[in-house]
Amino acid sequence: MTQERFTEAEIMDHARRLADEQGPGWDAVMAEEHVGKDSGALRFWRQQAMKDLELKTVTSLDVESESPRTVGLDE
């Protein structure tokens, strides 16, 4: 399985949105990080963002599987 590559900015932006929508909010996550407390929250939201971005990325296999096929027709 090939892994899609996303920029750090895309990952962090998506992590910020997810934390704001589904979690404690991005400010709370970053406050713990700035204090130097390694809560794992930032890693968690980055991982969630990566999973979400990968799920939303359409691959060529997805497109091929959804494309109509002609069967039994000779040219």
C-alpha atoms as a PDB file:
ATOM      1  CA  MET A   1       0.000   0.000   0.000  1.00  0.00           C
ATOM      2  CA  THR A   2       1.452   3.350  -0.975  1.00  0.00           C
ATOM      3  CA  GLN A   3       1.126   6.105   1.538  1.00  0.00           C
ATOM      4  CA  GLU A   4      -0.039   9.526   0.447  1.00  0.00           C
ATOM      5  CA  ARG A   5       2.227  12.366   1.405  1.00  0.00           C
ATOM      6  CA  PHE A   6       0.761  15.462   2.942  1.00  0.00           C
ATOM      7  CA  THR A   7       2.571  18.606   3.944  1.00  0.00           C
ATOM      8  CA  GLU A   8       3.080  19.362   7.601  1.00  0.00           C
ATOM      9  CA  ALA A   9       0.862  22.419   7.174  1.00  0.00           C
ATOM     10  CA  GLU A  10      -1.996  20.309   5.757  1.00  0.00           C
ATOM     11  CA  ILE A  11      -1.712  17.788   8.580  1.00  0.00           C
ATOM     12  CA  MET A  12      -1.594  20.418  11.310  1.00  0.00           C
ATOM     13  CA  ASP A  13      -4.462  22.385   9.769  1.00  0.00           C
ATOM     14  CA  HIS A  14      -6.614  19.269   9.638  1.00  0.00           C
ATOM     15  CA  ALA A  15      -5.569  18.267  13.167  1.00  0.00           C
ATOM     16  CA  ARG A  16      -6.580  21.736  14.367  1.00  0.00           C
ATOM     17  CA  ARG A  17     -10.021  21.377  12.773  1.00  0.00           C
ATOM     18  CA  LEU A  18     -10.542  17.914  14.234  1.00  0.00           C
ATOM     19  CA  ALA A  19      -9.477  18.980  17.734  1.00  0.00           C
ATOM     20  CA  ASP A  20     -11.797  21.977  17.571  1.00  0.00           C
ATOM     21  CA  GLU A  21     -14.754  19.939  16.273  1.00  0.00           C
ATOM     22  CA  GLN A  22     -14.341  16.662  18.161  1.00  0.00           C
ATOM     23  CA  GLY A  23     -12.031  17.298  21.080  1.00  0.00           C
ATOM     24  CA  PRO A  24     -10.936  19.762  23.709  1.00  0.00           C
ATOM     25  CA  GLY A  25     -10.101  22.429  21.156  1.00  0.00           C
ATOM     26  CA  TRP A  26      -6.802  23.262  19.551  1.00  0.00           C
ATOM     27  CA  ASP A  27      -5.920  25.904  22.146  1.00  0.00           C
ATOM     28  CA  ALA A  28      -6.130  23.323  24.940  1.00  0.00           C
ATOM     29  CA  VAL A  29      -3.964  20.858  22.998  1.00  0.00           C
ATOM     30  CA  MET A  30      -1.321  23.480  22.260  1.00  0.00           C
ATOM     31  CA  ALA A  31      -1.389  24.874  25.815  1.00  0.00           C
ATOM     32  CA  GLU A  32      -0.254  21.496  27.145  1.00  0.00           C
ATOM     33  CA  GLU A  33       2.480  21.292  24.531  1.00  0.00           C
ATOM     34  CA  HIS A  34       3.787  24.806  25.269  1.00  0.00           C
ATOM     35  CA  VAL A  35       4.008  24.051  28.974  1.00  0.00           C
ATOM     36  CA  GLY A  36       6.277  21.170  28.071  1.00  0.00           C
ATOM     37  CA  LYS A  37       3.852  18.537  29.224  1.00  0.00           C
ATOM     38  CA  ASP A  38       3.964  15.618  26.794  1.00  0.00           C
ATOM     39  CA  SER A  39       0.330  14.599  27.008  1.00  0.00           C
ATOM     40  CA  GLY A  40       0.302  12.807  23.679  1.00  0.00           C
ATOM     41  CA  ALA A  41      -2.668  14.924  22.616  1.00  0.00           C
ATOM     42  CA  LEU A  42      -0.800  16.580  19.776  1.00  0.00           C
ATOM     43  CA  ARG A  43       0.400  13.197  18.455  1.00  0.00           C
ATOM     44  CA  PHE A  44      -3.127  11.810  18.771  1.00  0.00           C
ATOM     45  CA  TRP A  45      -4.713  14.631  16.749  1.00  0.00           C
ATOM     46  CA  ARG A  46      -1.942  14.464  14.116  1.00  0.00           C
ATOM     47  CA  GLN A  47      -2.549  10.712  13.731  1.00  0.00           C
ATOM     48  CA  GLN A  48      -6.301  11.258  13.482  1.00  0.00           C
ATOM     49  CA  ALA A  49      -5.715  13.936  10.857  1.00  0.00           C
ATOM     50  CA  MET A  50      -3.460  11.639   8.816  1.00  0.00           C
ATOM     51  CA  LYS A  51      -6.028   8.829   8.907  1.00  0.00           C
ATOM     52  CA  ASP A  52      -8.808  11.203   7.933  1.00  0.00           C
ATOM     53  CA  LEU A  53      -6.810  12.757   5.092  1.00  0.00           C
ATOM     54  CA  GLU A  54      -5.849   9.333   3.761  1.00  0.00           C
ATOM     55  CA  LEU A  55      -9.481   8.203   3.831  1.00  0.00           C
ATOM     56  CA  LYS A  56     -10.564  11.295   1.928  1.00  0.00           C
ATOM     57  CA  THR A  57      -7.897  10.889  -0.755  1.00  0.00           C
ATOM     58  CA  VAL A  58      -9.295   9.301  -3.880  1.00  0.00           C
ATOM     59  CA  THR A  59      -6.942   6.793  -5.426  1.00  0.00           C
ATOM     60  CA  SER A  60      -6.838   5.607  -9.006  1.00  0.00           C
ATOM     61  CA  LEU A  61      -8.047   2.204  -7.803  1.00  0.00           C
ATOM     62  CA  ASP A  62     -11.115   3.857  -6.281  1.00  0.00           C
ATOM     63  CA  VAL A  63     -11.864   5.589  -9.571  1.00  0.00           C
ATOM     64  CA  GLU A  64     -11.355   2.386 -11.555  1.00  0.00           C
ATOM     65  CA  SER A  65     -13.639   0.399  -9.269  1.00  0.00           C
ATOM     66  CA  GLU A  66     -16.426   2.963  -9.705  1.00  0.00           C
ATOM     67  CA  SER A  67     -16.071   3.281 -13.480  1.00  0.00           C
ATOM     68  CA  PRO A  68     -18.620   1.500 -15.657  1.00  0.00           C
ATOM     69  CA  ARG A  69     -17.272  -1.373 -17.717  1.00  0.00           C
ATOM     70  CA  THR A  70     -18.410  -2.768 -21.007  1.00  0.00           C
ATOM     71  CA  VAL A  71     -18.601  -6.536 -20.936  1.00  0.00           C
ATOM     72  CA  GLY A  72     -18.908  -8.924 -23.860  1.00  0.00           C
ATOM     73  CA  LEU A  73     -18.575  -6.391 -26.648  1.00  0.00           C
ATOM     74  CA  ASP A  74     -16.057  -7.058 -29.366  1.00  0.00           C
ATOM     75  CA  GLU A  75     -14.583  -4.231 -31.346  1.00  0.00           C
END
